[in-house]
Amino acid sequence: IQARSIPPLLEGKDVLGAARTGSGKTLAFLVPAVELLYHGRFAPRNGTGVVVICPTRELAIQTHAVASDLLKYHSQTLGLVIGGVS
């Protein structure tokens, strides 16, 4: 999934992808997002650069953890917002 999705995403194109669990889907969209922010010299003071919407709380937490690892050596900031009704 990464080989087919990252190049067009880096070109600013939309991509719709589906793949099995553990195939690297999260990195397939996070890596291009981080690269585009970095090369575009996007700064946190510019506002929100990327919004990722996840269908479940667990996937949101997992995606946030992966994004945190990717941004460890970048100046970008990130947050996690989880909604729902009890």
PDB file of N, CA and C in Angstrom:
ATOM      1  N   ILE A   1       0.825  -1.198   0.000  1.00  0.00           N
ATOM      2  CA  ILE A   1       0.000   0.000   0.000  1.00  0.00           C
ATOM      3  C   ILE A   1       0.866   1.259   0.000  1.00  0.00           C
ATOM      4  N   GLN A   2       1.992   1.205   0.698  1.00  0.00           N
ATOM      5  CA  GLN A   2       2.858   2.387   0.776  1.00  0.00           C
ATOM      6  C   GLN A   2       3.447   2.726  -0.587  1.00  0.00           C
ATOM      7  N   ALA A   3       3.911   1.735  -1.301  1.00  0.00           N
ATOM      8  CA  ALA A   3       4.537   1.971  -2.608  1.00  0.00           C
ATOM      9  C   ALA A   3       3.557   2.579  -3.606  1.00  0.00           C
ATOM     10  N   ARG A   4       2.281   2.236  -3.482  1.00  0.00           N
ATOM     11  CA  ARG A   4       1.287   2.741  -4.430  1.00  0.00           C
ATOM     12  C   ARG A   4       0.655   4.049  -3.989  1.00  0.00           C
ATOM     13  N   SER A   5       0.698   4.356  -2.695  1.00  0.00           N
ATOM     14  CA  SER A   5      -0.003   5.554  -2.226  1.00  0.00           C
ATOM     15  C   SER A   5       0.910   6.748  -1.948  1.00  0.00           C
ATOM     16  N   ILE A   6       2.118   6.509  -1.472  1.00  0.00           N
ATOM     17  CA  ILE A   6       2.985   7.628  -1.086  1.00  0.00           C
ATOM     18  C   ILE A   6       3.345   8.535  -2.268  1.00  0.00           C
ATOM     19  N   PRO A   7       3.776   8.006  -3.422  1.00  0.00           N
ATOM     20  CA  PRO A   7       4.134   8.913  -4.526  1.00  0.00           C
ATOM     21  C   PRO A   7       2.999   9.863  -4.946  1.00  0.00           C
ATOM     22  N   PRO A   8       1.772   9.370  -5.181  1.00  0.00           N
ATOM     23  CA  PRO A   8       0.726  10.326  -5.564  1.00  0.00           C
ATOM     24  C   PRO A   8       0.350  11.291  -4.439  1.00  0.00           C
ATOM     25  N   LEU A   9       0.418  10.851  -3.193  1.00  0.00           N
ATOM     26  CA  LEU A   9       0.124  11.751  -2.077  1.00  0.00           C
ATOM     27  C   LEU A   9       1.155  12.870  -1.997  1.00  0.00           C
ATOM     28  N   LEU A  10       2.411  12.549  -2.251  1.00  0.00           N
ATOM     29  CA  LEU A  10       3.453  13.577  -2.242  1.00  0.00           C
ATOM     30  C   LEU A  10       3.267  14.590  -3.372  1.00  0.00           C
ATOM     31  N   GLU A  11       2.549  14.182  -4.421  1.00  0.00           N
ATOM     32  CA  GLU A  11       2.239  15.091  -5.527  1.00  0.00           C
ATOM     33  C   GLU A  11       0.969  15.896  -5.260  1.00  0.00           C
ATOM     34  N   GLY A  12       0.342  15.665  -4.105  1.00  0.00           N
ATOM     35  CA  GLY A  12      -0.870  16.400  -3.753  1.00  0.00           C
ATOM     36  C   GLY A  12      -2.152  15.789  -4.282  1.00  0.00           C
ATOM     37  N   LYS A  13      -2.071  14.571  -4.777  1.00  0.00           N
ATOM     38  CA  LYS A  13      -3.257  13.904  -5.318  1.00  0.00           C
ATOM     39  C   LYS A  13      -4.024  13.199  -4.204  1.00  0.00           C
ATOM     40  N   ASP A  14      -5.309  12.973  -4.452  1.00  0.00           N
ATOM     41  CA  ASP A  14      -6.137  12.209  -3.528  1.00  0.00           C
ATOM     42  C   ASP A  14      -5.921  10.727  -3.785  1.00  0.00           C
ATOM     43  N   VAL A  15      -5.967   9.937  -2.713  1.00  0.00           N
ATOM     44  CA  VAL A  15      -5.781   8.495  -2.829  1.00  0.00           C
ATOM     45  C   VAL A  15      -6.826   7.800  -1.973  1.00  0.00           C
ATOM     46  N   LEU A  16      -7.435   6.782  -2.512  1.00  0.00           N
ATOM     47  CA  LEU A  16      -8.330   5.921  -1.755  1.00  0.00           C
ATOM     48  C   LEU A  16      -7.688   4.548  -1.743  1.00  0.00           C
ATOM     49  N   GLY A  17      -7.379   4.047  -0.566  1.00  0.00           N
ATOM     50  CA  GLY A  17      -6.697   2.766  -0.477  1.00  0.00           C
ATOM     51  C   GLY A  17      -7.340   1.857   0.546  1.00  0.00           C
ATOM     52  N   ALA A  18      -7.241   0.577   0.309  1.00  0.00           N
ATOM     53  CA  ALA A  18      -7.725  -0.431   1.248  1.00  0.00           C
ATOM     54  C   ALA A  18      -6.696  -1.548   1.275  1.00  0.00           C
ATOM     55  N   ALA A  19      -6.394  -2.014   2.468  1.00  0.00           N
ATOM     56  CA  ALA A  19      -5.406  -3.085   2.601  1.00  0.00           C
ATOM     57  C   ALA A  19      -5.644  -3.822   3.912  1.00  0.00           C
ATOM     58  N   ARG A  20      -4.993  -4.934   4.055  1.00  0.00           N
ATOM     59  CA  ARG A  20      -5.155  -5.772   5.237  1.00  0.00           C
ATOM     60  C   ARG A  20      -4.522  -5.132   6.461  1.00  0.00           C
ATOM     61  N   THR A  21      -4.937  -5.593   7.618  1.00  0.00           N
ATOM     62  CA  THR A  21      -4.373  -5.146   8.884  1.00  0.00           C
ATOM     63  C   THR A  21      -2.878  -5.459   8.912  1.00  0.00           C
ATOM     64  N   GLY A  22      -2.091  -4.489   9.360  1.00  0.00           N
ATOM     65  CA  GLY A  22      -0.655  -4.687   9.469  1.00  0.00           C
ATOM     66  C   GLY A  22       0.115  -4.442   8.189  1.00  0.00           C
ATOM     67  N   SER A  23      -0.548  -3.905   7.169  1.00  0.00           N
ATOM     68  CA  SER A  23       0.115  -3.707   5.876  1.00  0.00           C
ATOM     69  C   SER A  23       0.814  -2.357   5.759  1.00  0.00           C
ATOM     70  N   GLY A  24       0.633  -1.480   6.739  1.00  0.00           N
ATOM     71  CA  GLY A  24       1.312  -0.191   6.709  1.00  0.00           C
ATOM     72  C   GLY A  24       0.461   0.970   6.235  1.00  0.00           C
ATOM     73  N   LYS A  25      -0.852   0.841   6.367  1.00  0.00           N
ATOM     74  CA  LYS A  25      -1.741   1.920   5.913  1.00  0.00           C
ATOM     75  C   LYS A  25      -1.486   3.221   6.660  1.00  0.00           C
ATOM     76  N   THR A  26      -1.264   3.141   7.959  1.00  0.00           N
ATOM     77  CA  THR A  26      -1.071   4.358   8.760  1.00  0.00           C
ATOM     78  C   THR A  26       0.141   5.134   8.263  1.00  0.00           C
ATOM     79  N   LEU A  27       1.242   4.461   8.063  1.00  0.00           N
ATOM     80  CA  LEU A  27       2.437   5.133   7.544  1.00  0.00           C
ATOM     81  C   LEU A  27       2.228   5.615   6.117  1.00  0.00           C
ATOM     82  N   ALA A  28       1.382   4.920   5.365  1.00  0.00           N
ATOM     83  CA  ALA A  28       1.147   5.295   3.969  1.00  0.00           C
ATOM     84  C   ALA A  28       0.555   6.692   3.845  1.00  0.00           C
ATOM     85  N   PHE A  29      -0.199   7.160   4.846  1.00  0.00           N
ATOM     86  CA  PHE A  29      -0.716   8.529   4.752  1.00  0.00           C
ATOM     87  C   PHE A  29      -0.010   9.490   5.689  1.00  0.00           C
ATOM     88  N   LEU A  30       0.583   8.999   6.785  1.00  0.00           N
ATOM     89  CA  LEU A  30       1.271   9.908   7.705  1.00  0.00           C
ATOM     90  C   LEU A  30       2.619  10.383   7.166  1.00  0.00           C
ATOM     91  N   VAL A  31       3.373   9.506   6.543  1.00  0.00           N
ATOM     92  CA  VAL A  31       4.690   9.898   6.017  1.00  0.00           C
ATOM     93  C   VAL A  31       4.557  11.027   4.992  1.00  0.00           C
ATOM     94  N   PRO A  32       3.658  10.913   3.998  1.00  0.00           N
ATOM     95  CA  PRO A  32       3.523  12.041   3.071  1.00  0.00           C
ATOM     96  C   PRO A  32       3.029  13.317   3.756  1.00  0.00           C
ATOM     97  N   ALA A  33       2.159  13.187   4.736  1.00  0.00           N
ATOM     98  CA  ALA A  33       1.665  14.375   5.445  1.00  0.00           C
ATOM     99  C   ALA A  33       2.809  15.102   6.139  1.00  0.00           C
ATOM    100  N   VAL A  34       3.653  14.355   6.831  1.00  0.00           N
ATOM    101  CA  VAL A  34       4.788  14.956   7.537  1.00  0.00           C
ATOM    102  C   VAL A  34       5.766  15.568   6.535  1.00  0.00           C
ATOM    103  N   GLU A  35       6.029  14.866   5.449  1.00  0.00           N
ATOM    104  CA  GLU A  35       6.953  15.372   4.426  1.00  0.00           C
ATOM    105  C   GLU A  35       6.448  16.673   3.806  1.00  0.00           C
ATOM    106  N   LEU A  36       5.169  16.715   3.477  1.00  0.00           N
ATOM    107  CA  LEU A  36       4.617  17.923   2.861  1.00  0.00           C
ATOM    108  C   LEU A  36       4.645  19.101   3.829  1.00  0.00           C
ATOM    109  N   LEU A  37       4.358  18.857   5.092  1.00  0.00           N
ATOM    110  CA  LEU A  37       4.436  19.929   6.086  1.00  0.00           C
ATOM    111  C   LEU A  37       5.872  20.419   6.232  1.00  0.00           C
ATOM    112  N   TYR A  38       6.802  19.479   6.282  1.00  0.00           N
ATOM    113  CA  TYR A  38       8.210  19.826   6.465  1.00  0.00           C
ATOM    114  C   TYR A  38       8.747  20.620   5.271  1.00  0.00           C
ATOM    115  N   HIS A  39       8.529  20.104   4.083  1.00  0.00           N
ATOM    116  CA  HIS A  39       9.071  20.765   2.887  1.00  0.00           C
ATOM    117  C   HIS A  39       8.335  22.065   2.565  1.00  0.00           C
ATOM    118  N   GLY A  40       7.106  22.189   3.033  1.00  0.00           N
ATOM    119  CA  GLY A  40       6.365  23.427   2.852  1.00  0.00           C
ATOM    120  C   GLY A  40       6.653  24.446   3.937  1.00  0.00           C
ATOM    121  N   ARG A  41       7.556  24.064   4.844  1.00  0.00           N
ATOM    122  CA  ARG A  41       7.933  24.931   5.974  1.00  0.00           C
ATOM    123  C   ARG A  41       6.721  25.390   6.775  1.00  0.00           C
ATOM    124  N   PHE A  42       5.802  24.461   6.950  1.00  0.00           N
ATOM    125  CA  PHE A  42       4.601  24.740   7.732  1.00  0.00           C
ATOM    126  C   PHE A  42       4.985  24.801   9.203  1.00  0.00           C
ATOM    127  N   ALA A  43       4.573  25.842   9.875  1.00  0.00           N
ATOM    128  CA  ALA A  43       4.880  26.015  11.300  1.00  0.00           C
ATOM    129  C   ALA A  43       3.588  25.927  12.103  1.00  0.00           C
ATOM    130  N   PRO A  44       3.671  25.459  13.347  1.00  0.00           N
ATOM    131  CA  PRO A  44       2.470  25.368  14.180  1.00  0.00           C
ATOM    132  C   PRO A  44       1.693  26.686  14.260  1.00  0.00           C
ATOM    133  N   ARG A  45       2.383  27.809  14.163  1.00  0.00           N
ATOM    134  CA  ARG A  45       1.692  29.104  14.234  1.00  0.00           C
ATOM    135  C   ARG A  45       0.797  29.345  13.018  1.00  0.00           C
ATOM    136  N   ASN A  46       0.986  28.533  11.947  1.00  0.00           N
ATOM    137  CA  ASN A  46       0.159  28.669  10.748  1.00  0.00           C
ATOM    138  C   ASN A  46      -1.233  28.064  10.921  1.00  0.00           C
ATOM    139  N   GLY A  47      -1.447  27.355  12.005  1.00  0.00           N
ATOM    140  CA  GLY A  47      -2.745  26.724  12.238  1.00  0.00           C
ATOM    141  C   GLY A  47      -2.659  25.217  12.109  1.00  0.00           C
ATOM    142  N   THR A  48      -3.735  24.629  11.661  1.00  0.00           N
ATOM    143  CA  THR A  48      -3.814  23.176  11.525  1.00  0.00           C
ATOM    144  C   THR A  48      -3.394  22.776  10.119  1.00  0.00           C
ATOM    145  N   GLY A  49      -2.428  21.880  10.034  1.00  0.00           N
ATOM    146  CA  GLY A  49      -1.928  21.438   8.737  1.00  0.00           C
ATOM    147  C   GLY A  49      -2.567  20.161   8.247  1.00  0.00           C
ATOM    148  N   VAL A  50      -2.922  19.277   9.163  1.00  0.00           N
ATOM    149  CA  VAL A  50      -3.482  17.977   8.800  1.00  0.00           C
ATOM    150  C   VAL A  50      -4.517  17.590   9.849  1.00  0.00           C
ATOM    151  N   VAL A  51      -5.626  17.033   9.392  1.00  0.00           N
ATOM    152  CA  VAL A  51      -6.621  16.455  10.294  1.00  0.00           C
ATOM    153  C   VAL A  51      -6.813  15.005   9.866  1.00  0.00           C
ATOM    154  N   VAL A  52      -6.669  14.083  10.801  1.00  0.00           N
ATOM    155  CA  VAL A  52      -6.881  12.665  10.537  1.00  0.00           C
ATOM    156  C   VAL A  52      -8.121  12.249  11.322  1.00  0.00           C
ATOM    157  N   ILE A  53      -9.088  11.683  10.642  1.00  0.00           N
ATOM    158  CA  ILE A  53     -10.315  11.231  11.294  1.00  0.00           C
ATOM    159  C   ILE A  53     -10.312   9.710  11.305  1.00  0.00           C
ATOM    160  N   CYS A  54     -10.459   9.133  12.493  1.00  0.00           N
ATOM    161  CA  CYS A  54     -10.441   7.680  12.656  1.00  0.00           C
ATOM    162  C   CYS A  54     -11.818   7.202  13.116  1.00  0.00           C
ATOM    163  N   PRO A  55     -12.229   6.012  12.685  1.00  0.00           N
ATOM    164  CA  PRO A  55     -13.562   5.525  13.032  1.00  0.00           C
ATOM    165  C   PRO A  55     -13.708   4.992  14.459  1.00  0.00           C
ATOM    166  N   THR A  56     -12.593   4.688  15.110  1.00  0.00           N
ATOM    167  CA  THR A  56     -12.687   4.145  16.471  1.00  0.00           C
ATOM    168  C   THR A  56     -11.682   4.831  17.385  1.00  0.00           C
ATOM    169  N   ARG A  57     -11.975   4.782  18.673  1.00  0.00           N
ATOM    170  CA  ARG A  57     -11.084   5.334  19.693  1.00  0.00           C
ATOM    171  C   ARG A  57      -9.726   4.642  19.645  1.00  0.00           C
ATOM    172  N   GLU A  58      -9.741   3.323  19.517  1.00  0.00           N
ATOM    173  CA  GLU A  58      -8.495   2.554  19.516  1.00  0.00           C
ATOM    174  C   GLU A  58      -7.610   2.931  18.327  1.00  0.00           C
ATOM    175  N   LEU A  59      -8.226   3.079  17.160  1.00  0.00           N
ATOM    176  CA  LEU A  59      -7.450   3.449  15.973  1.00  0.00           C
ATOM    177  C   LEU A  59      -6.917   4.874  16.096  1.00  0.00           C
ATOM    178  N   ALA A  60      -7.687   5.760  16.700  1.00  0.00           N
ATOM    179  CA  ALA A  60      -7.224   7.135  16.914  1.00  0.00           C
ATOM    180  C   ALA A  60      -6.002   7.154  17.824  1.00  0.00           C
ATOM    181  N   ILE A  61      -6.041   6.380  18.892  1.00  0.00           N
ATOM    182  CA  ILE A  61      -4.910   6.315  19.831  1.00  0.00           C
ATOM    183  C   ILE A  61      -3.685   5.721  19.143  1.00  0.00           C
ATOM    184  N   GLN A  62      -3.891   4.670  18.365  1.00  0.00           N
ATOM    185  CA  GLN A  62      -2.778   4.036  17.642  1.00  0.00           C
ATOM    186  C   GLN A  62      -2.178   5.002  16.618  1.00  0.00           C
ATOM    187  N   THR A  63      -3.016   5.698  15.869  1.00  0.00           N
ATOM    188  CA  THR A  63      -2.541   6.644  14.861  1.00  0.00           C
ATOM    189  C   THR A  63      -1.779   7.789  15.516  1.00  0.00           C
ATOM    190  N   HIS A  64      -2.267   8.263  16.642  1.00  0.00           N
ATOM    191  CA  HIS A  64      -1.590   9.332  17.384  1.00  0.00           C
ATOM    192  C   HIS A  64      -0.201   8.875  17.831  1.00  0.00           C
ATOM    193  N   ALA A  65      -0.094   7.639  18.285  1.00  0.00           N
ATOM    194  CA  ALA A  65       1.200   7.109  18.726  1.00  0.00           C
ATOM    195  C   ALA A  65       2.190   7.034  17.564  1.00  0.00           C
ATOM    196  N   VAL A  66       1.731   6.580  16.416  1.00  0.00           N
ATOM    197  CA  VAL A  66       2.605   6.497  15.239  1.00  0.00           C
ATOM    198  C   VAL A  66       3.024   7.899  14.802  1.00  0.00           C
ATOM    199  N   ALA A  67       2.080   8.833  14.796  1.00  0.00           N
ATOM    200  CA  ALA A  67       2.401  10.214  14.417  1.00  0.00           C
ATOM    201  C   ALA A  67       3.397  10.827  15.398  1.00  0.00           C
ATOM    202  N   SER A  68       3.248  10.526  16.673  1.00  0.00           N
ATOM    203  CA  SER A  68       4.194  11.034  17.682  1.00  0.00           C
ATOM    204  C   SER A  68       5.603  10.554  17.389  1.00  0.00           C
ATOM    205  N   ASP A  69       5.728   9.280  17.031  1.00  0.00           N
ATOM    206  CA  ASP A  69       7.048   8.738  16.690  1.00  0.00           C
ATOM    207  C   ASP A  69       7.619   9.423  15.447  1.00  0.00           C
ATOM    208  N   LEU A  70       6.783   9.639  14.435  1.00  0.00           N
ATOM    209  CA  LEU A  70       7.253  10.288  13.207  1.00  0.00           C
ATOM    210  C   LEU A  70       7.690  11.726  13.449  1.00  0.00           C
ATOM    211  N   LEU A  71       7.027  12.406  14.361  1.00  0.00           N
ATOM    212  CA  LEU A  71       7.301  13.825  14.595  1.00  0.00           C
ATOM    213  C   LEU A  71       8.329  14.075  15.689  1.00  0.00           C
ATOM    214  N   LYS A  72       8.919  13.017  16.195  1.00  0.00           N
ATOM    215  CA  LYS A  72       9.860  13.134  17.311  1.00  0.00           C
ATOM    216  C   LYS A  72      10.970  14.147  17.042  1.00  0.00           C
ATOM    217  N   TYR A  73      11.449  14.207  15.821  1.00  0.00           N
ATOM    218  CA  TYR A  73      12.567  15.097  15.492  1.00  0.00           C
ATOM    219  C   TYR A  73      12.143  16.256  14.584  1.00  0.00           C
ATOM    220  N   HIS A  74      10.868  16.561  14.580  1.00  0.00           N
ATOM    221  CA  HIS A  74      10.323  17.673  13.799  1.00  0.00           C
ATOM    222  C   HIS A  74       9.771  18.726  14.748  1.00  0.00           C
ATOM    223  N   SER A  75       9.522  19.909  14.230  1.00  0.00           N
ATOM    224  CA  SER A  75       8.963  20.981  15.057  1.00  0.00           C
ATOM    225  C   SER A  75       7.438  20.962  15.068  1.00  0.00           C
ATOM    226  N   GLN A  76       6.840  20.062  14.309  1.00  0.00           N
ATOM    227  CA  GLN A  76       5.380  19.992  14.257  1.00  0.00           C
ATOM    228  C   GLN A  76       4.812  19.521  15.596  1.00  0.00           C
ATOM    229  N   THR A  77       3.621  19.985  15.889  1.00  0.00           N
ATOM    230  CA  THR A  77       2.921  19.550  17.098  1.00  0.00           C
ATOM    231  C   THR A  77       1.727  18.703  16.679  1.00  0.00           C
ATOM    232  N   LEU A  78       1.193  17.954  17.621  1.00  0.00           N
ATOM    233  CA  LEU A  78       0.014  17.166  17.309  1.00  0.00           C
ATOM    234  C   LEU A  78      -0.867  17.052  18.542  1.00  0.00           C
ATOM    235  N   GLY A  79      -2.096  16.730  18.302  1.00  0.00           N
ATOM    236  CA  GLY A  79      -3.050  16.561  19.388  1.00  0.00           C
ATOM    237  C   GLY A  79      -3.965  15.398  19.074  1.00  0.00           C
ATOM    238  N   LEU A  80      -4.667  14.965  20.081  1.00  0.00           N
ATOM    239  CA  LEU A  80      -5.611  13.864  19.933  1.00  0.00           C
ATOM    240  C   LEU A  80      -6.934  14.312  20.530  1.00  0.00           C
ATOM    241  N   VAL A  81      -7.977  14.294  19.726  1.00  0.00           N
ATOM    242  CA  VAL A  81      -9.319  14.653  20.183  1.00  0.00           C
ATOM    243  C   VAL A  81     -10.206  13.442  19.954  1.00  0.00           C
ATOM    244  N   ILE A  82     -10.834  12.975  21.013  1.00  0.00           N
ATOM    245  CA  ILE A  82     -11.719  11.817  20.907  1.00  0.00           C
ATOM    246  C   ILE A  82     -13.101  12.238  21.379  1.00  0.00           C
ATOM    247  N   GLY A  83     -14.072  12.008  20.545  1.00  0.00           N
ATOM    248  CA  GLY A  83     -15.447  12.350  20.900  1.00  0.00           C
ATOM    249  C   GLY A  83     -16.273  11.094  21.068  1.00  0.00           C
ATOM    250  N   GLY A  84     -17.523  11.289  21.328  1.00  0.00           N
ATOM    251  CA  GLY A  84     -18.418  10.155  21.466  1.00  0.00           C
ATOM    252  C   GLY A  84     -19.484  10.429  22.496  1.00  0.00           C
ATOM    253  N   VAL A  85     -20.382   9.492  22.600  1.00  0.00           N
ATOM    254  CA  VAL A  85     -21.489   9.603  23.541  1.00  0.00           C
ATOM    255  C   VAL A  85     -21.483   8.376  24.425  1.00  0.00           C
ATOM    256  N   SER A  86     -21.648   8.582  25.720  1.00  0.00           N
ATOM    257  CA  SER A  86     -21.685   7.448  26.652  1.00  0.00           C
ATOM    258  C   SER A  86     -23.118   7.086  26.958  1.00  0.00           C
TER     259      SER A  86
END
